[in-house]
Amino acid sequence: MIGAKLEGLYAITPDWHDSTRLIATTEAILRGGCRVVQYRNKTATPCHRDEQAVALRGLTRRFDALLIINDDLDLALGCEADGVHLGGDDSDLTAARARLGPGPILGASCYQSLELAQAAALAGADYVAFGSYFPSPTKPEARRADTALIAPAKAATGRPVCAIGGITLDNAAPLVSAGADLLAVISAVYNSPDPERTSRAFSQLFENR
């Protein structure tokens, strides 16, 4: 049984082709206390994605952490990940839930829309994600989400809320105070000179709330 829950730092992998670097950095992030990792690589070949996902599956199991696959239900099932995260242009959530069954995690991008979050919850999503909250190097043109959306979304859906987009240690605390259960972070942890220490600092934001 996986001991991790949907709370805390949610580390999302960058588009790194160097698998050795990817695994080593992810291991440091997990040592820092992160217990939810999303594998996202938009530029790798299918074979390379399979290899990286399987390696991350083994690593997350060592740390009793969750592995979520971004936008690829077949890959999630193939590597026995803990779940999949789908965006608005990806597979239908209801169909994805039917393929996954009741156990695995299904996450949904809801951007800036409470209505999308409510629909996602009805379709079987286990958490809903809003963003971008700040300028993001991954999606620089993404529209901004409002912190005031977090509490109503939790109340309306009964699901954990994930905040994403340009989150750093300097701007994360207000999102946690507003009720965000997960902070989805790419650059601030994977490009950190000390990923383990940065991961620990993010995780500590959730300790006293």
N, C-alpha and C. Protein backbone atom coordinates (compact mmCIF):
# COMPACT_ATOMS: atom_id res chain seq x y z
N MET A 1 0.86 -1.19 0.00
CA MET A 1 0.00 0.00 0.00
C MET A 1 0.89 1.24 0.00
N ILE A 2 0.60 2.17 -0.91
CA ILE A 2 1.36 3.42 -0.96
C ILE A 2 0.99 4.28 0.24
N GLY A 3 1.99 4.77 0.94
CA GLY A 3 1.73 5.57 2.12
C GLY A 3 1.54 7.04 1.83
N ALA A 4 1.93 7.48 0.64
CA ALA A 4 1.84 8.91 0.31
C ALA A 4 0.39 9.32 0.13
N LYS A 5 0.13 10.60 0.32
CA LYS A 5 -1.20 11.13 0.08
C LYS A 5 -1.08 12.37 -0.78
N LEU A 6 -2.21 12.88 -1.22
CA LEU A 6 -2.21 14.02 -2.13
C LEU A 6 -2.06 15.31 -1.34
N GLU A 7 -0.84 15.55 -0.90
CA GLU A 7 -0.54 16.77 -0.16
C GLU A 7 0.96 17.05 -0.27
N GLY A 8 1.28 18.33 -0.30
CA GLY A 8 2.68 18.73 -0.28
C GLY A 8 3.23 19.08 -1.64
N LEU A 9 4.53 18.97 -1.75
CA LEU A 9 5.21 19.24 -3.01
C LEU A 9 4.85 18.18 -4.04
N TYR A 10 4.50 18.63 -5.23
CA TYR A 10 4.16 17.76 -6.35
C TYR A 10 5.19 18.05 -7.44
N ALA A 11 6.26 17.29 -7.46
CA ALA A 11 7.37 17.55 -8.38
C ALA A 11 7.05 17.03 -9.77
N ILE A 12 7.15 17.91 -10.77
CA ILE A 12 6.88 17.55 -12.16
C ILE A 12 8.19 17.58 -12.92
N THR A 13 8.48 16.50 -13.61
CA THR A 13 9.77 16.38 -14.29
C THR A 13 9.86 17.31 -15.50
N PRO A 14 11.05 17.83 -15.77
CA PRO A 14 11.27 18.63 -16.97
C PRO A 14 11.55 17.74 -18.18
N ASP A 15 11.67 18.36 -19.35
CA ASP A 15 11.95 17.62 -20.59
C ASP A 15 13.44 17.30 -20.70
N TRP A 16 13.91 16.48 -19.81
CA TRP A 16 15.33 16.10 -19.82
C TRP A 16 15.50 14.77 -20.54
N HIS A 17 16.43 14.73 -21.49
CA HIS A 17 16.74 13.48 -22.18
C HIS A 17 17.77 12.66 -21.41
N ASP A 18 18.53 13.30 -20.56
CA ASP A 18 19.54 12.63 -19.75
C ASP A 18 18.86 11.90 -18.59
N SER A 19 18.64 10.61 -18.77
CA SER A 19 17.90 9.85 -17.76
C SER A 19 18.67 9.74 -16.45
N THR A 20 19.99 9.65 -16.52
CA THR A 20 20.79 9.57 -15.30
C THR A 20 20.60 10.82 -14.45
N ARG A 21 20.63 11.97 -15.10
CA ARG A 21 20.41 13.24 -14.39
C ARG A 21 18.99 13.30 -13.85
N LEU A 22 18.02 12.86 -14.64
CA LEU A 22 16.62 12.90 -14.21
C LEU A 22 16.41 12.06 -12.95
N ILE A 23 16.92 10.85 -12.96
CA ILE A 23 16.71 9.95 -11.82
C ILE A 23 17.45 10.44 -10.59
N ALA A 24 18.69 10.92 -10.78
CA ALA A 24 19.47 11.40 -9.64
C ALA A 24 18.81 12.62 -8.99
N THR A 25 18.31 13.53 -9.82
CA THR A 25 17.68 14.74 -9.27
C THR A 25 16.36 14.39 -8.60
N THR A 26 15.59 13.51 -9.21
CA THR A 26 14.32 13.09 -8.61
C THR A 26 14.57 12.39 -7.28
N GLU A 27 15.61 11.59 -7.20
CA GLU A 27 15.94 10.93 -5.93
C GLU A 27 16.26 11.96 -4.85
N ALA A 28 16.99 13.00 -5.20
CA ALA A 28 17.29 14.05 -4.23
C ALA A 28 16.01 14.74 -3.77
N ILE A 29 15.10 14.99 -4.69
CA ILE A 29 13.83 15.63 -4.35
C ILE A 29 13.01 14.74 -3.41
N LEU A 30 13.01 13.44 -3.67
CA LEU A 30 12.31 12.51 -2.79
C LEU A 30 12.97 12.44 -1.41
N ARG A 31 14.29 12.50 -1.37
CA ARG A 31 14.98 12.52 -0.06
C ARG A 31 14.58 13.75 0.74
N GLY A 32 14.23 14.82 0.04
CA GLY A 32 13.83 16.04 0.73
C GLY A 32 12.42 16.01 1.29
N GLY A 33 11.67 14.96 0.97
CA GLY A 33 10.33 14.82 1.56
C GLY A 33 9.19 14.81 0.57
N CYS A 34 9.45 15.10 -0.70
CA CYS A 34 8.40 15.04 -1.70
C CYS A 34 7.89 13.62 -1.82
N ARG A 35 6.56 13.46 -1.91
CA ARG A 35 5.98 12.13 -2.03
C ARG A 35 5.02 12.00 -3.21
N VAL A 36 5.02 12.98 -4.09
CA VAL A 36 4.21 12.91 -5.31
C VAL A 36 5.05 13.43 -6.47
N VAL A 37 5.25 12.59 -7.48
CA VAL A 37 6.04 12.95 -8.66
C VAL A 37 5.19 12.72 -9.90
N GLN A 38 5.24 13.69 -10.80
CA GLN A 38 4.57 13.51 -12.09
C GLN A 38 5.63 13.42 -13.19
N TYR A 39 5.54 12.37 -13.99
CA TYR A 39 6.44 12.25 -15.13
C TYR A 39 5.82 12.95 -16.33
N ARG A 40 6.54 13.98 -16.79
CA ARG A 40 6.09 14.76 -17.94
C ARG A 40 7.30 15.02 -18.83
N ASN A 41 7.26 14.49 -20.03
CA ASN A 41 8.33 14.76 -21.00
C ASN A 41 7.69 14.84 -22.38
N LYS A 42 7.58 16.06 -22.90
CA LYS A 42 6.88 16.30 -24.16
C LYS A 42 7.78 16.13 -25.38
N THR A 43 9.06 15.90 -25.17
CA THR A 43 9.99 15.85 -26.31
C THR A 43 10.65 14.50 -26.52
N ALA A 44 10.53 13.60 -25.58
CA ALA A 44 11.18 12.29 -25.69
C ALA A 44 10.42 11.38 -26.66
N THR A 45 11.13 10.42 -27.22
CA THR A 45 10.50 9.41 -28.06
C THR A 45 9.67 8.47 -27.18
N PRO A 46 8.71 7.75 -27.76
CA PRO A 46 7.93 6.81 -26.95
C PRO A 46 8.80 5.79 -26.21
N CYS A 47 9.83 5.31 -26.87
CA CYS A 47 10.71 4.33 -26.22
C CYS A 47 11.44 4.94 -25.03
N HIS A 48 11.93 6.16 -25.22
CA HIS A 48 12.64 6.86 -24.14
C HIS A 48 11.69 7.16 -22.99
N ARG A 49 10.46 7.55 -23.31
CA ARG A 49 9.47 7.82 -22.27
C ARG A 49 9.19 6.55 -21.46
N ASP A 50 9.07 5.43 -22.16
CA ASP A 50 8.84 4.16 -21.47
C ASP A 50 9.97 3.87 -20.49
N GLU A 51 11.21 4.05 -20.95
CA GLU A 51 12.37 3.76 -20.11
C GLU A 51 12.42 4.67 -18.89
N GLN A 52 12.18 5.96 -19.09
CA GLN A 52 12.23 6.90 -17.98
C GLN A 52 11.10 6.64 -16.99
N ALA A 53 9.91 6.35 -17.51
CA ALA A 53 8.77 6.09 -16.63
C ALA A 53 9.00 4.86 -15.76
N VAL A 54 9.54 3.81 -16.34
CA VAL A 54 9.81 2.58 -15.58
C VAL A 54 10.87 2.84 -14.51
N ALA A 55 11.90 3.61 -14.86
CA ALA A 55 12.93 3.94 -13.88
C ALA A 55 12.35 4.77 -12.73
N LEU A 56 11.50 5.71 -13.05
CA LEU A 56 10.86 6.53 -12.01
C LEU A 56 9.90 5.70 -11.17
N ARG A 57 9.25 4.73 -11.78
CA ARG A 57 8.35 3.85 -11.02
C ARG A 57 9.13 3.10 -9.94
N GLY A 58 10.28 2.57 -10.32
CA GLY A 58 11.10 1.87 -9.34
C GLY A 58 11.59 2.80 -8.25
N LEU A 59 11.98 4.00 -8.61
CA LEU A 59 12.49 4.97 -7.65
C LEU A 59 11.40 5.41 -6.68
N THR A 60 10.23 5.73 -7.18
CA THR A 60 9.16 6.19 -6.29
C THR A 60 8.71 5.08 -5.35
N ARG A 61 8.76 3.85 -5.81
CA ARG A 61 8.41 2.75 -4.90
C ARG A 61 9.39 2.66 -3.75
N ARG A 62 10.66 2.90 -4.02
CA ARG A 62 11.66 2.87 -2.94
C ARG A 62 11.34 3.88 -1.85
N PHE A 63 10.77 5.01 -2.24
CA PHE A 63 10.48 6.07 -1.28
C PHE A 63 9.01 6.09 -0.84
N ASP A 64 8.27 5.05 -1.22
CA ASP A 64 6.85 4.99 -0.85
C ASP A 64 6.12 6.25 -1.33
N ALA A 65 6.44 6.65 -2.55
CA ALA A 65 5.88 7.87 -3.13
C ALA A 65 4.98 7.52 -4.31
N LEU A 66 4.15 8.48 -4.69
CA LEU A 66 3.23 8.31 -5.81
C LEU A 66 3.89 8.74 -7.12
N LEU A 67 3.63 7.99 -8.18
CA LEU A 67 4.04 8.38 -9.52
C LEU A 67 2.80 8.58 -10.38
N ILE A 68 2.65 9.79 -10.89
CA ILE A 68 1.56 10.16 -11.78
C ILE A 68 2.15 10.41 -13.17
N ILE A 69 1.49 9.93 -14.21
CA ILE A 69 1.95 10.14 -15.58
C ILE A 69 1.12 11.25 -16.21
N ASN A 70 1.79 12.16 -16.90
CA ASN A 70 1.11 13.28 -17.54
C ASN A 70 0.59 12.88 -18.92
N ASP A 71 -0.70 13.02 -19.09
CA ASP A 71 -1.34 12.97 -20.42
C ASP A 71 -1.13 11.69 -21.21
N ASP A 72 -0.85 10.57 -20.58
CA ASP A 72 -0.62 9.34 -21.33
C ASP A 72 -1.13 8.16 -20.51
N LEU A 73 -2.39 7.84 -20.75
CA LEU A 73 -3.03 6.77 -19.98
C LEU A 73 -2.39 5.42 -20.27
N ASP A 74 -2.03 5.16 -21.53
CA ASP A 74 -1.40 3.89 -21.87
C ASP A 74 -0.07 3.72 -21.13
N LEU A 75 0.72 4.79 -21.07
CA LEU A 75 2.00 4.73 -20.37
C LEU A 75 1.78 4.51 -18.88
N ALA A 76 0.80 5.19 -18.32
CA ALA A 76 0.50 5.03 -16.89
C ALA A 76 0.15 3.59 -16.56
N LEU A 77 -0.68 2.98 -17.39
CA LEU A 77 -1.07 1.59 -17.16
C LEU A 77 0.11 0.66 -17.41
N GLY A 78 0.89 0.96 -18.44
CA GLY A 78 1.99 0.09 -18.80
C GLY A 78 3.10 0.03 -17.77
N CYS A 79 3.38 1.15 -17.11
CA CYS A 79 4.46 1.16 -16.11
C CYS A 79 3.93 0.98 -14.68
N GLU A 80 2.64 0.72 -14.57
CA GLU A 80 1.99 0.50 -13.27
C GLU A 80 2.15 1.72 -12.37
N ALA A 81 1.97 2.90 -12.96
CA ALA A 81 1.99 4.14 -12.18
C ALA A 81 0.79 4.19 -11.24
N ASP A 82 0.83 5.13 -10.33
CA ASP A 82 -0.28 5.28 -9.38
C ASP A 82 -1.45 6.05 -9.98
N GLY A 83 -1.23 6.67 -11.15
CA GLY A 83 -2.32 7.40 -11.76
C GLY A 83 -1.87 8.21 -12.95
N VAL A 84 -2.78 9.03 -13.44
CA VAL A 84 -2.53 9.85 -14.63
C VAL A 84 -3.13 11.23 -14.41
N HIS A 85 -2.49 12.23 -15.01
CA HIS A 85 -3.02 13.59 -14.99
C HIS A 85 -3.37 14.00 -16.41
N LEU A 86 -4.58 14.50 -16.60
CA LEU A 86 -5.06 14.85 -17.93
C LEU A 86 -5.40 16.33 -18.02
N GLY A 87 -5.01 16.95 -19.12
CA GLY A 87 -5.36 18.34 -19.39
C GLY A 87 -6.66 18.44 -20.16
N GLY A 88 -7.06 19.67 -20.45
CA GLY A 88 -8.33 19.90 -21.11
C GLY A 88 -8.41 19.34 -22.51
N ASP A 89 -7.27 19.20 -23.19
CA ASP A 89 -7.25 18.70 -24.56
C ASP A 89 -6.90 17.22 -24.65
N ASP A 90 -6.86 16.56 -23.52
CA ASP A 90 -6.47 15.15 -23.50
C ASP A 90 -7.69 14.25 -23.41
N SER A 91 -7.50 13.02 -23.02
CA SER A 91 -8.57 12.04 -23.03
C SER A 91 -9.74 12.46 -22.13
N ASP A 92 -10.91 11.97 -22.48
CA ASP A 92 -12.11 12.22 -21.70
C ASP A 92 -11.94 11.64 -20.29
N LEU A 93 -12.26 12.43 -19.28
CA LEU A 93 -12.06 11.99 -17.90
C LEU A 93 -12.91 10.78 -17.54
N THR A 94 -14.14 10.77 -17.99
CA THR A 94 -15.02 9.64 -17.68
C THR A 94 -14.48 8.35 -18.29
N ALA A 95 -14.01 8.43 -19.53
CA ALA A 95 -13.43 7.26 -20.19
C ALA A 95 -12.14 6.83 -19.49
N ALA A 96 -11.35 7.83 -19.08
CA ALA A 96 -10.10 7.51 -18.38
C ALA A 96 -10.38 6.81 -17.06
N ARG A 97 -11.36 7.29 -16.33
CA ARG A 97 -11.72 6.64 -15.06
C ARG A 97 -12.18 5.21 -15.30
N ALA A 98 -12.92 5.00 -16.36
CA ALA A 98 -13.40 3.64 -16.66
C ALA A 98 -12.23 2.70 -16.95
N ARG A 99 -11.20 3.18 -17.68
CA ARG A 99 -10.03 2.35 -17.97
C ARG A 99 -9.17 2.13 -16.74
N LEU A 100 -9.04 3.15 -15.92
CA LEU A 100 -8.20 3.05 -14.73
C LEU A 100 -8.81 2.14 -13.67
N GLY A 101 -10.14 2.16 -13.58
CA GLY A 101 -10.80 1.50 -12.48
C GLY A 101 -10.84 2.42 -11.27
N PRO A 102 -11.33 1.93 -10.15
CA PRO A 102 -11.55 2.80 -8.99
C PRO A 102 -10.31 3.15 -8.18
N GLY A 103 -9.24 2.39 -8.31
CA GLY A 103 -8.09 2.58 -7.44
C GLY A 103 -7.12 3.68 -7.82
N PRO A 104 -6.61 3.69 -9.06
CA PRO A 104 -5.58 4.66 -9.44
C PRO A 104 -6.08 6.10 -9.37
N ILE A 105 -5.12 7.01 -9.26
CA ILE A 105 -5.41 8.44 -9.14
C ILE A 105 -5.65 9.05 -10.51
N LEU A 106 -6.66 9.90 -10.60
CA LEU A 106 -6.96 10.67 -11.82
C LEU A 106 -6.96 12.15 -11.46
N GLY A 107 -6.04 12.89 -12.07
CA GLY A 107 -5.98 14.33 -11.85
C GLY A 107 -6.42 15.07 -13.09
N ALA A 108 -6.92 16.30 -12.91
CA ALA A 108 -7.45 17.06 -14.03
C ALA A 108 -7.02 18.51 -13.96
N SER A 109 -6.56 19.04 -15.08
CA SER A 109 -6.26 20.47 -15.19
C SER A 109 -7.57 21.23 -15.39
N CYS A 110 -7.80 22.22 -14.56
CA CYS A 110 -9.04 23.00 -14.62
C CYS A 110 -8.76 24.48 -14.87
N TYR A 111 -7.50 24.84 -15.03
CA TYR A 111 -7.07 26.18 -15.45
C TYR A 111 -7.57 27.26 -14.48
N GLN A 112 -8.58 28.04 -14.89
CA GLN A 112 -9.12 29.08 -14.01
C GLN A 112 -10.62 28.89 -13.78
N SER A 113 -11.11 27.66 -13.97
CA SER A 113 -12.56 27.43 -14.02
C SER A 113 -13.08 26.53 -12.90
N LEU A 114 -13.93 27.09 -12.06
CA LEU A 114 -14.61 26.30 -11.04
C LEU A 114 -15.55 25.29 -11.69
N GLU A 115 -16.18 25.68 -12.80
CA GLU A 115 -17.10 24.79 -13.50
C GLU A 115 -16.38 23.54 -14.02
N LEU A 116 -15.19 23.74 -14.57
CA LEU A 116 -14.41 22.59 -15.02
C LEU A 116 -14.05 21.67 -13.86
N ALA A 117 -13.74 22.27 -12.72
CA ALA A 117 -13.39 21.47 -11.55
C ALA A 117 -14.57 20.64 -11.08
N GLN A 118 -15.75 21.23 -11.06
CA GLN A 118 -16.94 20.50 -10.65
C GLN A 118 -17.23 19.35 -11.61
N ALA A 119 -17.08 19.61 -12.91
CA ALA A 119 -17.31 18.57 -13.91
C ALA A 119 -16.27 17.46 -13.78
N ALA A 120 -15.03 17.84 -13.49
CA ALA A 120 -13.96 16.85 -13.33
C ALA A 120 -14.24 15.95 -12.14
N ALA A 121 -14.69 16.53 -11.04
CA ALA A 121 -15.00 15.73 -9.86
C ALA A 121 -16.13 14.75 -10.15
N LEU A 122 -17.14 15.21 -10.87
CA LEU A 122 -18.26 14.33 -11.22
C LEU A 122 -17.81 13.19 -12.14
N ALA A 123 -16.79 13.47 -12.96
CA ALA A 123 -16.28 12.45 -13.89
C ALA A 123 -15.34 11.47 -13.22
N GLY A 124 -14.99 11.73 -11.96
CA GLY A 124 -14.16 10.78 -11.23
C GLY A 124 -12.76 11.24 -10.91
N ALA A 125 -12.46 12.54 -11.11
CA ALA A 125 -11.13 13.05 -10.78
C ALA A 125 -10.90 13.01 -9.27
N ASP A 126 -9.67 12.67 -8.89
CA ASP A 126 -9.32 12.61 -7.47
C ASP A 126 -8.75 13.91 -6.95
N TYR A 127 -8.23 14.75 -7.86
CA TYR A 127 -7.79 16.10 -7.49
C TYR A 127 -7.96 17.00 -8.70
N VAL A 128 -8.07 18.29 -8.43
CA VAL A 128 -8.23 19.28 -9.51
C VAL A 128 -7.09 20.28 -9.42
N ALA A 129 -6.60 20.72 -10.57
CA ALA A 129 -5.44 21.62 -10.62
C ALA A 129 -5.82 22.93 -11.27
N PHE A 130 -5.37 24.02 -10.65
CA PHE A 130 -5.60 25.37 -11.19
C PHE A 130 -4.27 26.06 -11.45
N GLY A 131 -4.23 26.89 -12.47
CA GLY A 131 -3.03 27.66 -12.79
C GLY A 131 -3.17 28.25 -14.19
N SER A 132 -2.26 29.06 -14.54
CA SER A 132 -0.98 29.32 -13.90
C SER A 132 -1.12 30.45 -12.87
N TYR A 133 -0.53 30.26 -11.70
CA TYR A 133 -0.62 31.29 -10.69
C TYR A 133 0.41 32.39 -10.87
N PHE A 134 1.54 32.06 -11.45
CA PHE A 134 2.60 33.04 -11.67
C PHE A 134 3.20 32.79 -13.05
N PRO A 135 3.97 33.73 -13.57
CA PRO A 135 4.63 33.51 -14.87
C PRO A 135 5.45 32.22 -14.83
N SER A 136 5.26 31.38 -15.84
CA SER A 136 5.90 30.08 -15.85
C SER A 136 6.78 29.92 -17.08
N PRO A 137 8.02 29.46 -16.89
CA PRO A 137 8.88 29.20 -18.06
C PRO A 137 8.38 28.04 -18.90
N THR A 138 7.58 27.15 -18.32
CA THR A 138 7.04 26.02 -19.08
C THR A 138 5.90 26.45 -19.99
N LYS A 139 5.01 27.32 -19.46
CA LYS A 139 3.89 27.83 -20.26
C LYS A 139 3.80 29.34 -20.04
N PRO A 140 4.68 30.11 -20.68
CA PRO A 140 4.77 31.55 -20.41
C PRO A 140 3.52 32.34 -20.79
N GLU A 141 2.70 31.82 -21.69
CA GLU A 141 1.52 32.57 -22.13
C GLU A 141 0.24 32.12 -21.42
N ALA A 142 0.36 31.25 -20.45
CA ALA A 142 -0.83 30.75 -19.75
C ALA A 142 -1.53 31.86 -18.98
N ARG A 143 -2.85 31.81 -18.98
CA ARG A 143 -3.64 32.78 -18.21
C ARG A 143 -3.44 32.54 -16.72
N ARG A 144 -3.65 33.60 -15.94
CA ARG A 144 -3.45 33.53 -14.50
C ARG A 144 -4.71 33.05 -13.77
N ALA A 145 -4.49 32.25 -12.75
CA ALA A 145 -5.56 31.82 -11.86
C ALA A 145 -5.53 32.68 -10.60
N ASP A 146 -6.66 32.77 -9.94
CA ASP A 146 -6.80 33.59 -8.74
C ASP A 146 -6.73 32.70 -7.50
N THR A 147 -5.98 33.15 -6.51
CA THR A 147 -5.87 32.40 -5.26
C THR A 147 -7.24 32.20 -4.60
N ALA A 148 -8.13 33.16 -4.83
CA ALA A 148 -9.46 33.08 -4.22
C ALA A 148 -10.28 31.92 -4.75
N LEU A 149 -9.82 31.27 -5.81
CA LEU A 149 -10.54 30.13 -6.38
C LEU A 149 -10.34 28.85 -5.56
N ILE A 150 -9.28 28.79 -4.78
CA ILE A 150 -8.91 27.53 -4.13
C ILE A 150 -9.95 27.06 -3.12
N ALA A 151 -10.33 27.91 -2.19
CA ALA A 151 -11.27 27.49 -1.15
C ALA A 151 -12.64 27.11 -1.72
N PRO A 152 -13.24 27.93 -2.62
CA PRO A 152 -14.52 27.51 -3.20
C PRO A 152 -14.43 26.21 -3.97
N ALA A 153 -13.31 25.97 -4.63
CA ALA A 153 -13.16 24.73 -5.39
C ALA A 153 -13.12 23.53 -4.46
N LYS A 154 -12.43 23.65 -3.33
CA LYS A 154 -12.39 22.56 -2.37
C LYS A 154 -13.78 22.29 -1.81
N ALA A 155 -14.50 23.36 -1.53
CA ALA A 155 -15.84 23.20 -0.97
C ALA A 155 -16.81 22.60 -1.98
N ALA A 156 -16.69 23.02 -3.24
CA ALA A 156 -17.64 22.58 -4.26
C ALA A 156 -17.37 21.17 -4.75
N THR A 157 -16.11 20.76 -4.74
CA THR A 157 -15.77 19.45 -5.31
C THR A 157 -15.47 18.39 -4.26
N GLY A 158 -15.06 18.82 -3.07
CA GLY A 158 -14.63 17.86 -2.07
C GLY A 158 -13.34 17.16 -2.43
N ARG A 159 -12.55 17.78 -3.33
CA ARG A 159 -11.30 17.19 -3.81
C ARG A 159 -10.12 18.06 -3.39
N PRO A 160 -8.94 17.46 -3.23
CA PRO A 160 -7.74 18.26 -3.03
C PRO A 160 -7.50 19.17 -4.24
N VAL A 161 -6.92 20.32 -3.96
CA VAL A 161 -6.63 21.30 -5.01
C VAL A 161 -5.12 21.42 -5.19
N CYS A 162 -4.70 21.35 -6.44
CA CYS A 162 -3.31 21.51 -6.80
C CYS A 162 -3.12 22.87 -7.46
N ALA A 163 -2.13 23.62 -7.01
CA ALA A 163 -1.77 24.89 -7.63
C ALA A 163 -0.53 24.69 -8.49
N ILE A 164 -0.51 25.31 -9.67
CA ILE A 164 0.61 25.12 -10.59
C ILE A 164 0.92 26.42 -11.32
N GLY A 165 2.17 26.54 -11.74
CA GLY A 165 2.54 27.66 -12.60
C GLY A 165 3.46 28.66 -11.93
N GLY A 166 4.75 28.57 -12.21
CA GLY A 166 5.71 29.56 -11.73
C GLY A 166 5.90 29.60 -10.24
N ILE A 167 5.61 28.51 -9.54
CA ILE A 167 5.68 28.50 -8.08
C ILE A 167 7.13 28.33 -7.62
N THR A 168 7.52 29.19 -6.69
CA THR A 168 8.85 29.15 -6.09
C THR A 168 8.70 29.23 -4.58
N LEU A 169 9.81 29.09 -3.88
CA LEU A 169 9.76 29.24 -2.42
C LEU A 169 9.38 30.65 -2.01
N ASP A 170 9.62 31.62 -2.87
CA ASP A 170 9.31 33.01 -2.53
C ASP A 170 7.83 33.33 -2.65
N ASN A 171 7.08 32.56 -3.46
CA ASN A 171 5.66 32.91 -3.64
C ASN A 171 4.70 31.80 -3.24
N ALA A 172 5.22 30.70 -2.69
CA ALA A 172 4.39 29.53 -2.42
C ALA A 172 3.51 29.67 -1.18
N ALA A 173 3.99 30.35 -0.16
CA ALA A 173 3.29 30.36 1.14
C ALA A 173 1.84 30.85 1.04
N PRO A 174 1.54 31.91 0.29
CA PRO A 174 0.13 32.34 0.20
C PRO A 174 -0.79 31.29 -0.41
N LEU A 175 -0.28 30.47 -1.32
CA LEU A 175 -1.09 29.41 -1.90
C LEU A 175 -1.42 28.35 -0.87
N VAL A 176 -0.44 28.00 -0.04
CA VAL A 176 -0.68 27.03 1.03
C VAL A 176 -1.67 27.60 2.05
N SER A 177 -1.50 28.88 2.39
CA SER A 177 -2.42 29.53 3.33
C SER A 177 -3.84 29.59 2.79
N ALA A 178 -3.96 29.71 1.46
CA ALA A 178 -5.28 29.76 0.84
C ALA A 178 -5.95 28.39 0.76
N GLY A 179 -5.18 27.33 1.06
CA GLY A 179 -5.77 26.00 1.11
C GLY A 179 -5.28 25.02 0.07
N ALA A 180 -4.31 25.41 -0.74
CA ALA A 180 -3.79 24.47 -1.74
C ALA A 180 -3.22 23.24 -1.05
N ASP A 181 -3.60 22.07 -1.53
CA ASP A 181 -3.13 20.82 -0.96
C ASP A 181 -1.82 20.37 -1.60
N LEU A 182 -1.64 20.72 -2.85
CA LEU A 182 -0.46 20.33 -3.62
C LEU A 182 0.11 21.55 -4.32
N LEU A 183 1.43 21.64 -4.34
CA LEU A 183 2.11 22.67 -5.12
C LEU A 183 2.90 21.97 -6.22
N ALA A 184 2.45 22.13 -7.46
CA ALA A 184 3.11 21.50 -8.60
C ALA A 184 4.27 22.38 -9.05
N VAL A 185 5.47 21.83 -9.03
CA VAL A 185 6.68 22.62 -9.26
C VAL A 185 7.61 21.87 -10.20
N ILE A 186 8.14 22.58 -11.19
CA ILE A 186 9.14 22.00 -12.08
C ILE A 186 10.48 22.68 -11.85
N SER A 187 10.64 23.89 -12.37
CA SER A 187 11.94 24.56 -12.39
C SER A 187 12.53 24.80 -11.01
N ALA A 188 11.69 25.20 -10.05
CA ALA A 188 12.22 25.58 -8.74
C ALA A 188 12.89 24.43 -8.02
N VAL A 189 12.50 23.19 -8.34
CA VAL A 189 13.17 22.05 -7.71
C VAL A 189 14.19 21.40 -8.64
N TYR A 190 13.80 21.18 -9.89
CA TYR A 190 14.71 20.46 -10.79
C TYR A 190 15.91 21.30 -11.22
N ASN A 191 15.77 22.61 -11.23
CA ASN A 191 16.90 23.48 -11.58
C ASN A 191 17.58 24.07 -10.35
N SER A 192 17.19 23.63 -9.19
CA SER A 192 17.80 24.12 -7.95
C SER A 192 19.22 23.59 -7.82
N PRO A 193 20.14 24.41 -7.29
CA PRO A 193 21.49 23.90 -7.02
C PRO A 193 21.52 22.84 -5.92
N ASP A 194 20.43 22.79 -5.12
CA ASP A 194 20.33 21.79 -4.06
C ASP A 194 18.88 21.28 -4.03
N PRO A 195 18.52 20.35 -4.93
CA PRO A 195 17.13 19.90 -5.01
C PRO A 195 16.59 19.30 -3.71
N GLU A 196 17.44 18.59 -2.98
CA GLU A 196 16.97 17.99 -1.73
C GLU A 196 16.57 19.07 -0.72
N ARG A 197 17.41 20.07 -0.57
CA ARG A 197 17.12 21.14 0.38
C ARG A 197 15.88 21.93 -0.06
N THR A 198 15.75 22.19 -1.35
CA THR A 198 14.59 22.92 -1.84
C THR A 198 13.32 22.12 -1.63
N SER A 199 13.38 20.82 -1.90
CA SER A 199 12.23 19.96 -1.67
C SER A 199 11.82 19.98 -0.20
N ARG A 200 12.79 19.93 0.68
CA ARG A 200 12.50 19.95 2.11
C ARG A 200 11.83 21.27 2.51
N ALA A 201 12.29 22.37 1.94
CA ALA A 201 11.71 23.67 2.27
C ALA A 201 10.26 23.76 1.79
N PHE A 202 9.98 23.23 0.61
CA PHE A 202 8.59 23.20 0.14
C PHE A 202 7.74 22.34 1.05
N SER A 203 8.25 21.19 1.42
CA SER A 203 7.47 20.26 2.26
C SER A 203 7.17 20.86 3.62
N GLN A 204 8.10 21.65 4.14
CA GLN A 204 7.90 22.25 5.46
C GLN A 204 6.79 23.29 5.47
N LEU A 205 6.43 23.82 4.31
CA LEU A 205 5.34 24.79 4.24
C LEU A 205 4.01 24.17 4.69
N PHE A 206 3.91 22.85 4.59
CA PHE A 206 2.65 22.17 4.91
C PHE A 206 2.60 21.64 6.34
N GLU A 207 3.69 21.76 7.08
CA GLU A 207 3.76 21.11 8.38
C GLU A 207 2.91 21.76 9.45
N ASN A 208 2.76 23.06 9.39
CA ASN A 208 2.11 23.77 10.49
C ASN A 208 0.77 24.39 10.11
N ARG A 209 0.15 23.86 9.08
CA ARG A 209 -1.13 24.47 8.72
C ARG A 209 -2.30 23.66 9.26
